[in-house]
């Protein structure tokens, strides 16, 4: 079996559509099993505790797992273009898979990773073999909080000061630390275009009828036919409401809704101890047995 210890996994970089994207491919290069892609939430990176551990738990029996930094996260380039940020990231993921001659893949992710995965499957069905989704953001409060978390500080800094003030925000510290050239990319943004883009991206989080997933109409969701596993959200979680997970599972024509391998307050408990436990995702490896069982049954091979 190939050595998949952290020291054995190197970060690679691909240039696609003018973007440098950082990624790791975990598993035996000679494996002939399925490919998984894990997409994180927030602006968390592929290095966030729990991400690689889940990847290693999935990368058995010839399967391989791609973990990556989305544009605007980690070591990848920043980009401020596109109708919505998850849509821009979905296009980047499809381009990355095509560039690497990989896929179709099971697109797995949480929070914004669910939106990126769903949009990738909707916009680029050729790269999607299946979907696995947990912690689906939704509901009026959850969505409006997200729009504020992602964009308010940058909009305010650009509006009241300048792009240097944006680059100095904690919001972009991780992207600049992982990819120092990102600071200049932020400074080079036309201020008016930047403001227009981020306000458009923020507006996408406004709750809309017939749109359970921001930027993806319910009709577009119904057209996604790949096998999908949806983990039910916690009733106590106001950011990833149970009703949203149930509604999205009902929209997708080939979806199975299952209970997660943890208690109802998982997200809230991980959030409360994130500073001491190393992050929100430390228990993601618990998902692996259910994911693998579902994939064997729904996707075969």
C-alpha atoms as a PDB file:
ATOM      1  CA  UNK A   1       0.000   0.000   0.000  1.00  0.00           C
ATOM      2  CA  UNK A   2       1.272   3.485  -0.828  1.00  0.00           C
ATOM      3  CA  UNK A   3       2.520   5.674   1.996  1.00  0.00           C
ATOM      4  CA  UNK A   4      -0.175   8.269   2.657  1.00  0.00           C
ATOM      5  CA  UNK A   5       1.301   9.791   5.802  1.00  0.00           C
ATOM      6  CA  UNK A   6       1.214  13.625   5.874  1.00  0.00           C
ATOM      7  CA  UNK A   7       4.934  13.793   5.115  1.00  0.00           C
ATOM      8  CA  UNK A   8       4.424  11.714   1.969  1.00  0.00           C
ATOM      9  CA  UNK A   9       1.729  13.971   0.484  1.00  0.00           C
ATOM     10  CA  UNK A  10       3.099  16.935  -1.421  1.00  0.00           C
ATOM     11  CA  UNK A  11       1.214  19.965  -2.599  1.00  0.00           C
ATOM     12  CA  UNK A  12       1.106  20.451  -6.352  1.00  0.00           C
ATOM     13  CA  UNK A  13       0.056  23.485  -8.370  1.00  0.00           C
ATOM     14  CA  UNK A  14      -1.911  23.709 -11.589  1.00  0.00           C
ATOM     15  CA  UNK A  15      -2.422  26.723 -13.821  1.00  0.00           C
ATOM     16  CA  UNK A  16      -5.989  26.726 -15.126  1.00  0.00           C
ATOM     17  CA  UNK A  17      -7.897  29.616 -16.667  1.00  0.00           C
ATOM     18  CA  UNK A  18      -5.222  32.026 -15.478  1.00  0.00           C
ATOM     19  CA  UNK A  19      -5.364  30.793 -11.890  1.00  0.00           C
ATOM     20  CA  UNK A  20      -2.783  28.958  -9.851  1.00  0.00           C
ATOM     21  CA  UNK A  21      -4.629  26.292  -7.869  1.00  0.00           C
ATOM     22  CA  UNK A  22      -3.000  24.307  -5.052  1.00  0.00           C
ATOM     23  CA  UNK A  23      -4.043  20.684  -4.586  1.00  0.00           C
ATOM     24  CA  UNK A  24      -3.005  17.325  -3.203  1.00  0.00           C
ATOM     25  CA  UNK A  25      -3.839  13.914  -4.646  1.00  0.00           C
ATOM     26  CA  UNK A  26      -3.990  11.300  -1.919  1.00  0.00           C
ATOM     27  CA  UNK A  27      -3.854   7.578  -2.598  1.00  0.00           C
ATOM     28  CA  UNK A  28      -1.972   5.143  -4.774  1.00  0.00           C
ATOM     29  CA  UNK A  29      -1.190   6.707  -8.166  1.00  0.00           C
ATOM     30  CA  UNK A  30      -1.666   3.258  -9.686  1.00  0.00           C
ATOM     31  CA  UNK A  31      -5.114   2.888  -8.127  1.00  0.00           C
ATOM     32  CA  UNK A  32      -7.952   2.114 -10.489  1.00  0.00           C
ATOM     33  CA  UNK A  33     -10.800   2.903  -8.080  1.00  0.00           C
ATOM     34  CA  UNK A  34     -13.049   5.905  -7.914  1.00  0.00           C
ATOM     35  CA  UNK A  35     -11.945   9.512  -7.472  1.00  0.00           C
ATOM     36  CA  UNK A  36     -13.270  11.679  -4.641  1.00  0.00           C
ATOM     37  CA  UNK A  37     -12.948  15.459  -4.336  1.00  0.00           C
ATOM     38  CA  UNK A  38     -13.271  17.088  -0.905  1.00  0.00           C
ATOM     39  CA  UNK A  39     -14.229  20.781  -0.860  1.00  0.00           C
ATOM     40  CA  UNK A  40     -14.059  22.564   2.481  1.00  0.00           C
ATOM     41  CA  UNK A  41     -16.283  25.300   3.851  1.00  0.00           C
ATOM     42  CA  UNK A  42     -15.645  28.890   4.843  1.00  0.00           C
ATOM     43  CA  UNK A  43     -12.226  30.001   3.670  1.00  0.00           C
ATOM     44  CA  UNK A  44     -10.696  26.929   5.264  1.00  0.00           C
ATOM     45  CA  UNK A  45      -7.925  25.191   3.377  1.00  0.00           C
ATOM     46  CA  UNK A  46      -6.939  21.655   2.462  1.00  0.00           C
ATOM     47  CA  UNK A  47      -4.605  21.739   5.487  1.00  0.00           C
ATOM     48  CA  UNK A  48      -7.439  22.222   8.000  1.00  0.00           C
ATOM     49  CA  UNK A  49      -7.396  19.373  10.538  1.00  0.00           C
ATOM     50  CA  UNK A  50      -9.827  16.638   9.562  1.00  0.00           C
ATOM     51  CA  UNK A  51      -9.703  17.210   5.802  1.00  0.00           C
ATOM     52  CA  UNK A  52      -6.683  15.064   5.037  1.00  0.00           C
ATOM     53  CA  UNK A  53      -7.753  12.503   7.649  1.00  0.00           C
ATOM     54  CA  UNK A  54     -11.059  12.049   5.819  1.00  0.00           C
ATOM     55  CA  UNK A  55      -9.200  11.847   2.516  1.00  0.00           C
ATOM     56  CA  UNK A  56      -6.917   9.135   3.862  1.00  0.00           C
ATOM     57  CA  UNK A  57      -9.902   7.196   5.190  1.00  0.00           C
ATOM     58  CA  UNK A  58     -11.442   7.262   1.697  1.00  0.00           C
ATOM     59  CA  UNK A  59      -8.214   6.554  -0.211  1.00  0.00           C
ATOM     60  CA  UNK A  60      -8.276   2.761   0.151  1.00  0.00           C
ATOM     61  CA  UNK A  61      -8.885  -0.153  -2.215  1.00  0.00           C
ATOM     62  CA  UNK A  62      -7.535   1.828  -5.159  1.00  0.00           C
ATOM     63  CA  UNK A  63      -9.575   4.987  -4.556  1.00  0.00           C
ATOM     64  CA  UNK A  64      -7.894   8.392  -4.747  1.00  0.00           C
ATOM     65  CA  UNK A  65      -8.907  11.701  -3.199  1.00  0.00           C
ATOM     66  CA  UNK A  66      -8.260  15.228  -4.441  1.00  0.00           C
ATOM     67  CA  UNK A  67      -8.140  17.949  -1.794  1.00  0.00           C
ATOM     68  CA  UNK A  68      -7.666  21.501  -2.989  1.00  0.00           C
ATOM     69  CA  UNK A  69      -7.631  25.164  -2.064  1.00  0.00           C
ATOM     70  CA  UNK A  70     -10.446  26.989  -3.781  1.00  0.00           C
ATOM     71  CA  UNK A  71      -9.633  30.344  -5.383  1.00  0.00           C
ATOM     72  CA  UNK A  72      -9.643  32.915  -2.542  1.00  0.00           C
ATOM     73  CA  UNK A  73      -8.460  30.277  -0.049  1.00  0.00           C
ATOM     74  CA  UNK A  74      -5.088  29.015   1.126  1.00  0.00           C
ATOM     75  CA  UNK A  75      -2.325  28.729  -1.448  1.00  0.00           C
ATOM     76  CA  UNK A  76      -4.491  29.296  -4.509  1.00  0.00           C
ATOM     77  CA  UNK A  77      -4.826  32.625  -6.299  1.00  0.00           C
ATOM     78  CA  UNK A  78      -7.519  35.117  -5.436  1.00  0.00           C
ATOM     79  CA  UNK A  79     -10.036  35.982  -8.130  1.00  0.00           C
ATOM     80  CA  UNK A  80     -12.844  38.516  -7.986  1.00  0.00           C
ATOM     81  CA  UNK A  81     -15.012  37.681 -10.989  1.00  0.00           C
ATOM     82  CA  UNK A  82     -18.092  35.677 -11.818  1.00  0.00           C
ATOM     83  CA  UNK A  83     -21.767  35.873 -10.976  1.00  0.00           C
ATOM     84  CA  UNK A  84     -21.175  34.355  -7.525  1.00  0.00           C
ATOM     85  CA  UNK A  85     -18.059  33.225  -5.692  1.00  0.00           C
ATOM     86  CA  UNK A  86     -19.128  29.542  -5.461  1.00  0.00           C
ATOM     87  CA  UNK A  87     -19.930  29.581  -9.186  1.00  0.00           C
ATOM     88  CA  UNK A  88     -16.439  30.898  -9.952  1.00  0.00           C
ATOM     89  CA  UNK A  89     -14.973  28.199  -7.707  1.00  0.00           C
ATOM     90  CA  UNK A  90     -17.102  25.490  -9.339  1.00  0.00           C
ATOM     91  CA  UNK A  91     -15.777  26.476 -12.752  1.00  0.00           C
ATOM     92  CA  UNK A  92     -12.241  26.359 -11.347  1.00  0.00           C
ATOM     93  CA  UNK A  93     -12.788  22.853  -9.959  1.00  0.00           C
ATOM     94  CA  UNK A  94     -14.093  21.561 -13.279  1.00  0.00           C
ATOM     95  CA  UNK A  95     -11.127  23.149 -15.072  1.00  0.00           C
ATOM     96  CA  UNK A  96      -8.713  21.603 -12.552  1.00  0.00           C
ATOM     97  CA  UNK A  97     -10.136  18.112 -13.058  1.00  0.00           C
ATOM     98  CA  UNK A  98      -9.970  18.524 -16.835  1.00  0.00           C
ATOM     99  CA  UNK A  99      -6.404  19.855 -16.643  1.00  0.00           C
ATOM    100  CA  UNK A 100      -5.340  16.853 -14.552  1.00  0.00           C
ATOM    101  CA  UNK A 101      -7.267  14.453 -16.793  1.00  0.00           C
ATOM    102  CA  UNK A 102      -9.147  13.173 -13.751  1.00  0.00           C
ATOM    103  CA  UNK A 103     -12.745  12.245 -13.164  1.00  0.00           C
ATOM    104  CA  UNK A 104     -15.587  11.979 -13.213  1.00  0.00           C
ATOM    105  CA  UNK A 105     -15.410  12.253  -9.431  1.00  0.00           C
ATOM    106  CA  UNK A 106     -17.590  12.016  -6.371  1.00  0.00           C
ATOM    107  CA  UNK A 107     -17.818  15.667  -5.312  1.00  0.00           C
ATOM    108  CA  UNK A 108     -17.971  15.795  -1.522  1.00  0.00           C
ATOM    109  CA  UNK A 109     -18.105  18.798   0.745  1.00  0.00           C
ATOM    110  CA  UNK A 110     -19.632  20.779   3.563  1.00  0.00           C
ATOM    111  CA  UNK A 111     -21.070  24.289   3.973  1.00  0.00           C
ATOM    112  CA  UNK A 112     -19.845  26.321   0.962  1.00  0.00           C
ATOM    113  CA  UNK A 113     -18.329  23.060  -0.274  1.00  0.00           C
ATOM    114  CA  UNK A 114     -21.865  21.779  -0.823  1.00  0.00           C
ATOM    115  CA  UNK A 115     -22.680  24.767  -3.020  1.00  0.00           C
ATOM    116  CA  UNK A 116     -19.451  24.440  -4.997  1.00  0.00           C
ATOM    117  CA  UNK A 117     -20.074  20.714  -5.482  1.00  0.00           C
ATOM    118  CA  UNK A 118     -23.703  21.187  -6.555  1.00  0.00           C
ATOM    119  CA  UNK A 119     -22.824  24.021  -8.930  1.00  0.00           C
ATOM    120  CA  UNK A 120     -19.996  21.972 -10.410  1.00  0.00           C
ATOM    121  CA  UNK A 121     -22.384  19.083 -11.075  1.00  0.00           C
ATOM    122  CA  UNK A 122     -24.984  21.444 -12.562  1.00  0.00           C
ATOM    123  CA  UNK A 123     -22.612  23.459 -14.758  1.00  0.00           C
ATOM    124  CA  UNK A 124     -20.143  20.685 -15.642  1.00  0.00           C
ATOM    125  CA  UNK A 125     -21.991  17.356 -15.416  1.00  0.00           C
ATOM    126  CA  UNK A 126     -19.189  15.563 -17.238  1.00  0.00           C
ATOM    127  CA  UNK A 127     -16.920  15.783 -14.163  1.00  0.00           C
ATOM    128  CA  UNK A 128     -19.460  14.567 -11.592  1.00  0.00           C
ATOM    129  CA  UNK A 129     -19.982  10.863 -10.848  1.00  0.00           C
ATOM    130  CA  UNK A 130     -21.838  11.568  -7.614  1.00  0.00           C
ATOM    131  CA  UNK A 131     -22.323  14.033  -4.770  1.00  0.00           C
ATOM    132  CA  UNK A 132     -21.901  13.731  -0.999  1.00  0.00           C
ATOM    133  CA  UNK A 133     -23.099  16.693   1.058  1.00  0.00           C
ATOM    134  CA  UNK A 134     -23.233  17.630   4.747  1.00  0.00           C
ATOM    135  CA  UNK A 135     -23.747  20.831   6.742  1.00  0.00           C
ATOM    136  CA  UNK A 136     -25.834  22.470   4.004  1.00  0.00           C
ATOM    137  CA  UNK A 137     -26.222  26.174   4.715  1.00  0.00           C
ATOM    138  CA  UNK A 138     -29.690  27.629   4.383  1.00  0.00           C
ATOM    139  CA  UNK A 139     -32.623  29.463   5.898  1.00  0.00           C
ATOM    140  CA  UNK A 140     -33.021  33.258   6.121  1.00  0.00           C
ATOM    141  CA  UNK A 141     -30.735  33.712   9.112  1.00  0.00           C
ATOM    142  CA  UNK A 142     -28.067  31.262   7.987  1.00  0.00           C
ATOM    143  CA  UNK A 143     -27.801  32.767   4.515  1.00  0.00           C
ATOM    144  CA  UNK A 144     -27.833  36.393   5.605  1.00  0.00           C
ATOM    145  CA  UNK A 145     -25.124  35.709   8.188  1.00  0.00           C
ATOM    146  CA  UNK A 146     -22.991  34.123   5.464  1.00  0.00           C
ATOM    147  CA  UNK A 147     -23.278  37.150   3.187  1.00  0.00           C
ATOM    148  CA  UNK A 148     -22.149  39.320   6.068  1.00  0.00           C
ATOM    149  CA  UNK A 149     -19.275  37.032   7.135  1.00  0.00           C
ATOM    150  CA  UNK A 150     -17.822  36.691   3.658  1.00  0.00           C
ATOM    151  CA  UNK A 151     -18.127  40.208   2.297  1.00  0.00           C
ATOM    152  CA  UNK A 152     -19.076  43.013   4.709  1.00  0.00           C
ATOM    153  CA  UNK A 153     -15.559  43.753   5.962  1.00  0.00           C
ATOM    154  CA  UNK A 154     -14.056  43.856   2.457  1.00  0.00           C
ATOM    155  CA  UNK A 155     -16.862  46.002   1.049  1.00  0.00           C
ATOM    156  CA  UNK A 156     -16.626  48.424   3.960  1.00  0.00           C
ATOM    157  CA  UNK A 157     -12.823  48.698   3.729  1.00  0.00           C
ATOM    158  CA  UNK A 158     -12.889  49.325  -0.027  1.00  0.00           C
ATOM    159  CA  UNK A 159     -15.807  51.728   0.191  1.00  0.00           C
ATOM    160  CA  UNK A 160     -14.502  53.850   3.052  1.00  0.00           C
ATOM    161  CA  UNK A 161     -10.764  53.516   2.426  1.00  0.00           C
ATOM    162  CA  UNK A 162      -8.912  51.727  -0.382  1.00  0.00           C
ATOM    163  CA  UNK A 163      -7.695  48.347  -1.636  1.00  0.00           C
ATOM    164  CA  UNK A 164      -4.696  48.451   0.703  1.00  0.00           C
ATOM    165  CA  UNK A 165      -7.158  48.435   3.600  1.00  0.00           C
ATOM    166  CA  UNK A 166      -8.820  45.377   2.065  1.00  0.00           C
ATOM    167  CA  UNK A 167      -5.494  43.566   1.763  1.00  0.00           C
ATOM    168  CA  UNK A 168      -4.786  44.295   5.428  1.00  0.00           C
ATOM    169  CA  UNK A 169      -7.987  42.627   6.638  1.00  0.00           C
ATOM    170  CA  UNK A 170      -7.788  39.382   8.633  1.00  0.00           C
ATOM    171  CA  UNK A 171     -10.196  37.942   6.030  1.00  0.00           C
ATOM    172  CA  UNK A 172      -7.361  37.729   3.480  1.00  0.00           C
ATOM    173  CA  UNK A 173      -4.449  36.990   5.806  1.00  0.00           C
ATOM    174  CA  UNK A 174      -4.571  33.257   5.094  1.00  0.00           C
ATOM    175  CA  UNK A 175      -4.610  33.722   1.334  1.00  0.00           C
ATOM    176  CA  UNK A 176      -1.701  36.159   1.487  1.00  0.00           C
ATOM    177  CA  UNK A 177       0.318  33.961   3.859  1.00  0.00           C
ATOM    178  CA  UNK A 178      -0.203  30.929   1.641  1.00  0.00           C
ATOM    179  CA  UNK A 179       0.372  32.823  -1.599  1.00  0.00           C
ATOM    180  CA  UNK A 180       2.165  36.156  -1.018  1.00  0.00           C
ATOM    181  CA  UNK A 181       1.451  37.361  -4.574  1.00  0.00           C
ATOM    182  CA  UNK A 182      -2.208  37.559  -3.580  1.00  0.00           C
ATOM    183  CA  UNK A 183      -1.567  40.822  -1.765  1.00  0.00           C
ATOM    184  CA  UNK A 184      -0.585  42.504  -5.014  1.00  0.00           C
ATOM    185  CA  UNK A 185      -3.544  40.896  -6.784  1.00  0.00           C
ATOM    186  CA  UNK A 186      -5.847  42.525  -4.246  1.00  0.00           C
ATOM    187  CA  UNK A 187      -4.065  45.876  -4.550  1.00  0.00           C
ATOM    188  CA  UNK A 188      -4.384  45.708  -8.346  1.00  0.00           C
ATOM    189  CA  UNK A 189      -8.181  45.423  -8.240  1.00  0.00           C
ATOM    190  CA  UNK A 190     -10.164  48.300  -9.662  1.00  0.00           C
ATOM    191  CA  UNK A 191     -11.961  49.559  -6.573  1.00  0.00           C
ATOM    192  CA  UNK A 192     -15.309  50.181  -8.263  1.00  0.00           C
ATOM    193  CA  UNK A 193     -15.307  46.803 -10.005  1.00  0.00           C
ATOM    194  CA  UNK A 194     -14.314  45.099  -6.760  1.00  0.00           C
ATOM    195  CA  UNK A 195     -17.205  46.731  -4.917  1.00  0.00           C
ATOM    196  CA  UNK A 196     -19.661  45.784  -7.653  1.00  0.00           C
ATOM    197  CA  UNK A 197     -18.453  42.178  -7.649  1.00  0.00           C
ATOM    198  CA  UNK A 198     -18.554  41.659  -3.896  1.00  0.00           C
ATOM    199  CA  UNK A 199     -21.977  43.280  -3.592  1.00  0.00           C
ATOM    200  CA  UNK A 200     -23.232  40.954  -6.341  1.00  0.00           C
ATOM    201  CA  UNK A 201     -21.691  37.996  -4.508  1.00  0.00           C
ATOM    202  CA  UNK A 202     -23.295  39.143  -1.258  1.00  0.00           C
ATOM    203  CA  UNK A 203     -26.692  39.546  -2.905  1.00  0.00           C
ATOM    204  CA  UNK A 204     -26.603  35.892  -3.955  1.00  0.00           C
ATOM    205  CA  UNK A 205     -27.092  34.958  -0.303  1.00  0.00           C
ATOM    206  CA  UNK A 206     -30.417  36.781  -0.063  1.00  0.00           C
ATOM    207  CA  UNK A 207     -33.084  34.094   0.485  1.00  0.00           C
ATOM    208  CA  UNK A 208     -35.224  33.611  -2.628  1.00  0.00           C
ATOM    209  CA  UNK A 209     -38.302  31.567  -3.411  1.00  0.00           C
ATOM    210  CA  UNK A 210     -37.549  28.428  -5.429  1.00  0.00           C
ATOM    211  CA  UNK A 211     -33.846  28.512  -4.510  1.00  0.00           C
ATOM    212  CA  UNK A 212     -32.824  26.315  -1.597  1.00  0.00           C
ATOM    213  CA  UNK A 213     -29.156  26.626  -2.551  1.00  0.00           C
ATOM    214  CA  UNK A 214     -27.815  30.163  -3.212  1.00  0.00           C
ATOM    215  CA  UNK A 215     -27.085  30.576  -6.899  1.00  0.00           C
ATOM    216  CA  UNK A 216     -28.744  27.287  -7.873  1.00  0.00           C
ATOM    217  CA  UNK A 217     -32.421  27.373  -8.778  1.00  0.00           C
ATOM    218  CA  UNK A 218     -34.616  24.517  -7.612  1.00  0.00           C
ATOM    219  CA  UNK A 219     -35.245  23.637 -11.262  1.00  0.00           C
ATOM    220  CA  UNK A 220     -31.498  23.391 -11.885  1.00  0.00           C
ATOM    221  CA  UNK A 221     -31.153  21.195  -8.786  1.00  0.00           C
ATOM    222  CA  UNK A 222     -33.859  18.864 -10.096  1.00  0.00           C
ATOM    223  CA  UNK A 223     -31.803  18.413 -13.263  1.00  0.00           C
ATOM    224  CA  UNK A 224     -28.806  17.009 -11.326  1.00  0.00           C
ATOM    225  CA  UNK A 225     -29.279  13.273 -11.749  1.00  0.00           C
ATOM    226  CA  UNK A 226     -26.069  11.778 -10.330  1.00  0.00           C
ATOM    227  CA  UNK A 227     -26.373   9.603  -7.204  1.00  0.00           C
ATOM    228  CA  UNK A 228     -26.232  11.848  -4.150  1.00  0.00           C
ATOM    229  CA  UNK A 229     -25.821  11.258  -0.434  1.00  0.00           C
ATOM    230  CA  UNK A 230     -27.154  13.992   1.861  1.00  0.00           C
ATOM    231  CA  UNK A 231     -26.442  13.879   5.587  1.00  0.00           C
ATOM    232  CA  UNK A 232     -29.341  15.315   7.575  1.00  0.00           C
ATOM    233  CA  UNK A 233     -28.595  18.590   9.364  1.00  0.00           C
ATOM    234  CA  UNK A 234     -28.976  19.056  13.088  1.00  0.00           C
ATOM    235  CA  UNK A 235     -32.265  20.417  14.418  1.00  0.00           C
ATOM    236  CA  UNK A 236     -30.218  22.617  16.790  1.00  0.00           C
ATOM    237  CA  UNK A 237     -28.022  24.081  14.026  1.00  0.00           C
ATOM    238  CA  UNK A 238     -29.308  27.480  12.843  1.00  0.00           C
ATOM    239  CA  UNK A 239     -26.579  27.829  10.219  1.00  0.00           C
ATOM    240  CA  UNK A 240     -27.133  24.482   8.461  1.00  0.00           C
ATOM    241  CA  UNK A 241     -30.804  23.834   9.221  1.00  0.00           C
ATOM    242  CA  UNK A 242     -32.287  20.359   9.130  1.00  0.00           C
ATOM    243  CA  UNK A 243     -35.058  21.643   6.852  1.00  0.00           C
ATOM    244  CA  UNK A 244     -32.489  22.725   4.239  1.00  0.00           C
ATOM    245  CA  UNK A 245     -30.835  19.300   4.095  1.00  0.00           C
ATOM    246  CA  UNK A 246     -34.254  17.656   3.782  1.00  0.00           C
ATOM    247  CA  UNK A 247     -35.418  20.101   1.115  1.00  0.00           C
ATOM    248  CA  UNK A 248     -32.257  19.690  -0.999  1.00  0.00           C
ATOM    249  CA  UNK A 249     -32.481  15.888  -0.727  1.00  0.00           C
ATOM    250  CA  UNK A 250     -36.090  16.081  -1.892  1.00  0.00           C
ATOM    251  CA  UNK A 251     -35.128  18.225  -4.890  1.00  0.00           C
ATOM    252  CA  UNK A 252     -32.347  15.981  -6.182  1.00  0.00           C
ATOM    253  CA  UNK A 253     -33.918  13.100  -8.118  1.00  0.00           C
ATOM    254  CA  UNK A 254     -31.334  10.479  -7.138  1.00  0.00           C
ATOM    255  CA  UNK A 255     -30.596  11.475  -3.542  1.00  0.00           C
ATOM    256  CA  UNK A 256     -30.521   9.451  -0.337  1.00  0.00           C
ATOM    257  CA  UNK A 257     -30.987  11.237   2.990  1.00  0.00           C
ATOM    258  CA  UNK A 258     -29.168   9.627   5.918  1.00  0.00           C
ATOM    259  CA  UNK A 259     -28.382  10.409   9.527  1.00  0.00           C
ATOM    260  CA  UNK A 260     -24.847  11.692  10.229  1.00  0.00           C
ATOM    261  CA  UNK A 261     -22.414   9.730  12.392  1.00  0.00           C
ATOM    262  CA  UNK A 262     -22.653  12.251  15.244  1.00  0.00           C
ATOM    263  CA  UNK A 263     -25.165  13.901  17.529  1.00  0.00           C
ATOM    264  CA  UNK A 264     -27.571  16.722  16.816  1.00  0.00           C
ATOM    265  CA  UNK A 265     -25.270  19.468  18.161  1.00  0.00           C
ATOM    266  CA  UNK A 266     -22.129  18.423  16.261  1.00  0.00           C
ATOM    267  CA  UNK A 267     -21.533  21.712  14.446  1.00  0.00           C
ATOM    268  CA  UNK A 268     -22.233  23.816  17.529  1.00  0.00           C
ATOM    269  CA  UNK A 269     -19.941  21.679  19.685  1.00  0.00           C
ATOM    270  CA  UNK A 270     -17.105  21.757  17.157  1.00  0.00           C
ATOM    271  CA  UNK A 271     -17.546  25.517  16.811  1.00  0.00           C
ATOM    272  CA  UNK A 272     -17.350  25.965  20.575  1.00  0.00           C
ATOM    273  CA  UNK A 273     -14.093  24.032  20.862  1.00  0.00           C
ATOM    274  CA  UNK A 274     -12.529  24.998  17.510  1.00  0.00           C
ATOM    275  CA  UNK A 275      -9.686  26.944  19.083  1.00  0.00           C
ATOM    276  CA  UNK A 276      -8.591  24.059  21.304  1.00  0.00           C
ATOM    277  CA  UNK A 277      -9.485  21.068  19.109  1.00  0.00           C
ATOM    278  CA  UNK A 278      -7.809  22.334  15.959  1.00  0.00           C
ATOM    279  CA  UNK A 279     -10.841  23.162  13.841  1.00  0.00           C
ATOM    280  CA  UNK A 280     -14.433  22.433  12.938  1.00  0.00           C
ATOM    281  CA  UNK A 281     -13.670  19.403  10.781  1.00  0.00           C
ATOM    282  CA  UNK A 282     -11.729  17.150  13.152  1.00  0.00           C
ATOM    283  CA  UNK A 283     -14.466  14.496  13.241  1.00  0.00           C
ATOM    284  CA  UNK A 284     -15.044  14.323   9.490  1.00  0.00           C
ATOM    285  CA  UNK A 285     -13.265  10.938   9.268  1.00  0.00           C
ATOM    286  CA  UNK A 286     -16.357   9.475  10.985  1.00  0.00           C
ATOM    287  CA  UNK A 287     -18.166  10.021   7.674  1.00  0.00           C
ATOM    288  CA  UNK A 288     -15.909   7.647   5.745  1.00  0.00           C
ATOM    289  CA  UNK A 289     -17.647   4.302   6.451  1.00  0.00           C
ATOM    290  CA  UNK A 290     -21.045   5.658   5.381  1.00  0.00           C
ATOM    291  CA  UNK A 291     -19.551   7.359   2.333  1.00  0.00           C
ATOM    292  CA  UNK A 292     -17.757   4.230   1.197  1.00  0.00           C
ATOM    293  CA  UNK A 293     -20.762   1.974   1.753  1.00  0.00           C
ATOM    294  CA  UNK A 294     -23.037   4.344  -0.165  1.00  0.00           C
ATOM    295  CA  UNK A 295     -20.563   4.698  -3.026  1.00  0.00           C
ATOM    296  CA  UNK A 296     -20.222   0.931  -3.395  1.00  0.00           C
ATOM    297  CA  UNK A 297     -23.992   0.520  -3.511  1.00  0.00           C
ATOM    298  CA  UNK A 298     -24.965   3.588  -5.534  1.00  0.00           C
ATOM    299  CA  UNK A 299     -21.996   3.877  -7.884  1.00  0.00           C
ATOM    300  CA  UNK A 300     -20.749   0.296  -8.069  1.00  0.00           C
ATOM    301  CA  UNK A 301     -17.167  -0.688  -8.690  1.00  0.00           C
END
